[in-house]
Amino acid sequence: MSKKSKRQNRRETGTAGEMSSSDPVMSNRPSGFNPDYHFVIKDIRRVGILAGSFIGILIILAIFLH
């Protein structure tokens, strides 16, 4: 992440005349950023269910073993 901020700082310090429309970094980027995270949401939900069930099992064991 520090690399991104360094790049942004260098770009912000330049004037508008220095940046042309043929800049290869700017031309490769799509106009809108719309990532698809459906597989990440499924994994996070699965981890949450597992964590909740483990905590529930530990609470039940603590009650019965106490």
N, C-alpha and C. Protein backbone atom coordinates (compact mmCIF):
# COMPACT_ATOMS: atom_id res chain seq x y z
N MET A 1 0.81 -1.18 0.00
CA MET A 1 0.00 0.00 0.00
C MET A 1 0.86 1.26 0.00
N SER A 2 2.04 1.16 0.56
CA SER A 2 2.88 2.35 0.57
C SER A 2 3.31 2.72 -0.83
N LYS A 3 3.42 1.75 -1.72
CA LYS A 3 3.79 2.06 -3.09
C LYS A 3 2.72 2.89 -3.77
N LYS A 4 1.45 2.58 -3.49
CA LYS A 4 0.37 3.34 -4.10
C LYS A 4 0.42 4.80 -3.66
N SER A 5 0.64 5.02 -2.37
CA SER A 5 0.65 6.40 -1.91
C SER A 5 1.83 7.16 -2.49
N LYS A 6 2.97 6.49 -2.68
CA LYS A 6 4.12 7.17 -3.27
C LYS A 6 3.83 7.54 -4.71
N ARG A 7 3.17 6.65 -5.43
CA ARG A 7 2.82 6.94 -6.81
C ARG A 7 1.85 8.11 -6.89
N GLN A 8 0.87 8.10 -6.00
CA GLN A 8 -0.11 9.18 -6.01
C GLN A 8 0.56 10.51 -5.68
N ASN A 9 1.50 10.51 -4.74
CA ASN A 9 2.17 11.74 -4.38
C ASN A 9 2.94 12.30 -5.56
N ARG A 10 3.61 11.44 -6.30
CA ARG A 10 4.36 11.91 -7.46
C ARG A 10 3.42 12.44 -8.53
N ARG A 11 2.29 11.78 -8.72
CA ARG A 11 1.35 12.23 -9.74
C ARG A 11 0.69 13.54 -9.34
N GLU A 12 0.40 13.69 -8.06
CA GLU A 12 -0.26 14.91 -7.62
C GLU A 12 0.67 16.11 -7.71
N THR A 13 1.97 15.91 -7.56
CA THR A 13 2.90 17.03 -7.60
C THR A 13 3.12 17.52 -9.01
N GLY A 14 2.88 16.68 -10.03
CA GLY A 14 3.07 17.09 -11.41
C GLY A 14 1.96 18.03 -11.85
N THR A 15 2.26 18.83 -12.87
CA THR A 15 1.25 19.75 -13.39
C THR A 15 0.40 19.04 -14.43
N ALA A 16 -0.68 19.64 -14.79
CA ALA A 16 -1.59 19.03 -15.76
C ALA A 16 -0.96 18.94 -17.14
N GLY A 17 -0.04 19.82 -17.46
CA GLY A 17 0.61 19.79 -18.75
C GLY A 17 1.55 18.62 -18.91
N GLU A 18 2.09 18.12 -17.80
CA GLU A 18 3.02 16.99 -17.86
C GLU A 18 2.30 15.68 -18.15
N MET A 19 1.09 15.54 -17.71
CA MET A 19 0.35 14.29 -17.90
C MET A 19 -0.41 14.38 -19.22
N SER A 20 -0.09 13.47 -20.13
CA SER A 20 -0.76 13.47 -21.42
C SER A 20 -1.77 12.34 -21.48
N SER A 21 -2.58 12.35 -22.51
CA SER A 21 -3.59 11.30 -22.66
C SER A 21 -2.96 9.98 -23.09
N SER A 22 -1.69 10.00 -23.50
CA SER A 22 -1.02 8.77 -23.91
C SER A 22 -0.24 8.12 -22.77
N ASP A 23 -0.54 8.51 -21.54
CA ASP A 23 0.12 7.93 -20.37
C ASP A 23 -0.26 6.45 -20.28
N PRO A 24 0.71 5.52 -20.33
CA PRO A 24 0.36 4.09 -20.37
C PRO A 24 -0.32 3.61 -19.10
N VAL A 25 -0.01 4.20 -17.95
CA VAL A 25 -0.64 3.76 -16.70
C VAL A 25 -2.11 4.15 -16.69
N MET A 26 -2.42 5.33 -17.11
CA MET A 26 -3.80 5.80 -17.09
C MET A 26 -4.64 5.14 -18.19
N SER A 27 -4.05 4.79 -19.32
CA SER A 27 -4.83 4.22 -20.41
C SER A 27 -5.18 2.76 -20.15
N ASN A 28 -4.45 2.05 -19.30
CA ASN A 28 -4.73 0.64 -19.02
C ASN A 28 -5.83 0.46 -17.99
N ARG A 29 -6.14 1.48 -17.24
CA ARG A 29 -7.15 1.36 -16.19
C ARG A 29 -8.54 1.50 -16.78
N PRO A 30 -9.48 0.65 -16.32
CA PRO A 30 -10.86 0.82 -16.79
C PRO A 30 -11.48 2.05 -16.14
N SER A 31 -12.52 2.57 -16.75
CA SER A 31 -13.14 3.79 -16.25
C SER A 31 -13.86 3.56 -14.92
N GLY A 32 -14.42 2.39 -14.69
CA GLY A 32 -15.11 2.09 -13.45
C GLY A 32 -14.52 0.85 -12.80
N PHE A 33 -14.40 0.86 -11.49
CA PHE A 33 -13.84 -0.28 -10.78
C PHE A 33 -14.97 -1.00 -10.09
N ASN A 34 -15.32 -2.18 -10.59
CA ASN A 34 -16.44 -2.95 -10.06
C ASN A 34 -15.99 -4.40 -9.88
N PRO A 35 -15.26 -4.71 -8.79
CA PRO A 35 -14.80 -6.09 -8.59
C PRO A 35 -15.94 -7.00 -8.14
N ASP A 36 -15.76 -8.28 -8.37
CA ASP A 36 -16.76 -9.27 -7.99
C ASP A 36 -16.20 -10.09 -6.83
N TYR A 37 -16.79 -9.95 -5.65
CA TYR A 37 -16.29 -10.62 -4.46
C TYR A 37 -17.24 -11.70 -3.96
N HIS A 38 -18.03 -12.33 -4.83
CA HIS A 38 -19.00 -13.31 -4.36
C HIS A 38 -18.33 -14.51 -3.70
N PHE A 39 -17.17 -14.92 -4.19
CA PHE A 39 -16.48 -16.07 -3.59
C PHE A 39 -15.88 -15.70 -2.24
N VAL A 40 -15.48 -14.46 -2.06
CA VAL A 40 -14.93 -14.02 -0.78
C VAL A 40 -16.03 -13.97 0.28
N ILE A 41 -17.20 -13.50 -0.11
CA ILE A 41 -18.33 -13.42 0.83
C ILE A 41 -18.72 -14.82 1.28
N LYS A 42 -18.71 -15.79 0.38
CA LYS A 42 -19.03 -17.17 0.76
C LYS A 42 -18.01 -17.70 1.76
N ASP A 43 -16.73 -17.43 1.52
CA ASP A 43 -15.69 -17.91 2.44
C ASP A 43 -15.80 -17.25 3.81
N ILE A 44 -16.07 -15.96 3.85
CA ILE A 44 -16.21 -15.26 5.13
C ILE A 44 -17.42 -15.79 5.89
N ARG A 45 -18.51 -16.05 5.18
CA ARG A 45 -19.70 -16.61 5.83
C ARG A 45 -19.39 -17.99 6.42
N ARG A 46 -18.66 -18.81 5.68
CA ARG A 46 -18.30 -20.15 6.15
C ARG A 46 -17.41 -20.07 7.39
N VAL A 47 -16.44 -19.16 7.39
CA VAL A 47 -15.56 -19.00 8.54
C VAL A 47 -16.35 -18.51 9.75
N GLY A 48 -17.30 -17.59 9.52
CA GLY A 48 -18.13 -17.10 10.62
C GLY A 48 -18.99 -18.20 11.23
N ILE A 49 -19.55 -19.06 10.40
CA ILE A 49 -20.37 -20.16 10.90
C ILE A 49 -19.51 -21.13 11.71
N LEU A 50 -18.32 -21.45 11.20
CA LEU A 50 -17.43 -22.34 11.94
C LEU A 50 -17.00 -21.74 13.27
N ALA A 51 -16.65 -20.46 13.27
CA ALA A 51 -16.22 -19.81 14.51
C ALA A 51 -17.36 -19.77 15.52
N GLY A 52 -18.56 -19.46 15.05
CA GLY A 52 -19.72 -19.44 15.95
C GLY A 52 -20.02 -20.80 16.54
N SER A 53 -19.91 -21.83 15.71
CA SER A 53 -20.18 -23.18 16.22
C SER A 53 -19.11 -23.62 17.22
N PHE A 54 -17.85 -23.28 16.96
CA PHE A 54 -16.79 -23.63 17.92
C PHE A 54 -16.98 -22.90 19.24
N ILE A 55 -17.34 -21.64 19.19
CA ILE A 55 -17.58 -20.90 20.44
C ILE A 55 -18.77 -21.49 21.17
N GLY A 56 -19.82 -21.84 20.44
CA GLY A 56 -20.98 -22.47 21.08
C GLY A 56 -20.62 -23.80 21.74
N ILE A 57 -19.82 -24.61 21.07
CA ILE A 57 -19.38 -25.89 21.65
C ILE A 57 -18.56 -25.65 22.90
N LEU A 58 -17.68 -24.65 22.86
CA LEU A 58 -16.87 -24.36 24.05
C LEU A 58 -17.72 -23.89 25.23
N ILE A 59 -18.75 -23.10 24.96
CA ILE A 59 -19.64 -22.65 26.04
C ILE A 59 -20.40 -23.82 26.62
N ILE A 60 -20.90 -24.70 25.77
CA ILE A 60 -21.64 -25.89 26.26
C ILE A 60 -20.72 -26.78 27.08
N LEU A 61 -19.49 -26.99 26.60
CA LEU A 61 -18.54 -27.82 27.36
C LEU A 61 -18.19 -27.17 28.69
N ALA A 62 -18.05 -25.85 28.72
CA ALA A 62 -17.74 -25.16 29.97
C ALA A 62 -18.86 -25.31 30.98
N ILE A 63 -20.11 -25.31 30.50
CA ILE A 63 -21.25 -25.46 31.42
C ILE A 63 -21.30 -26.88 31.97
N PHE A 64 -21.13 -27.88 31.12
CA PHE A 64 -21.25 -29.26 31.56
C PHE A 64 -20.03 -29.72 32.37
N LEU A 65 -18.86 -29.22 32.06
CA LEU A 65 -17.68 -29.67 32.78
C LEU A 65 -17.41 -28.89 34.05
N HIS A 66 -18.13 -27.83 34.26
CA HIS A 66 -17.94 -27.04 35.47
C HIS A 66 -18.69 -27.69 36.57
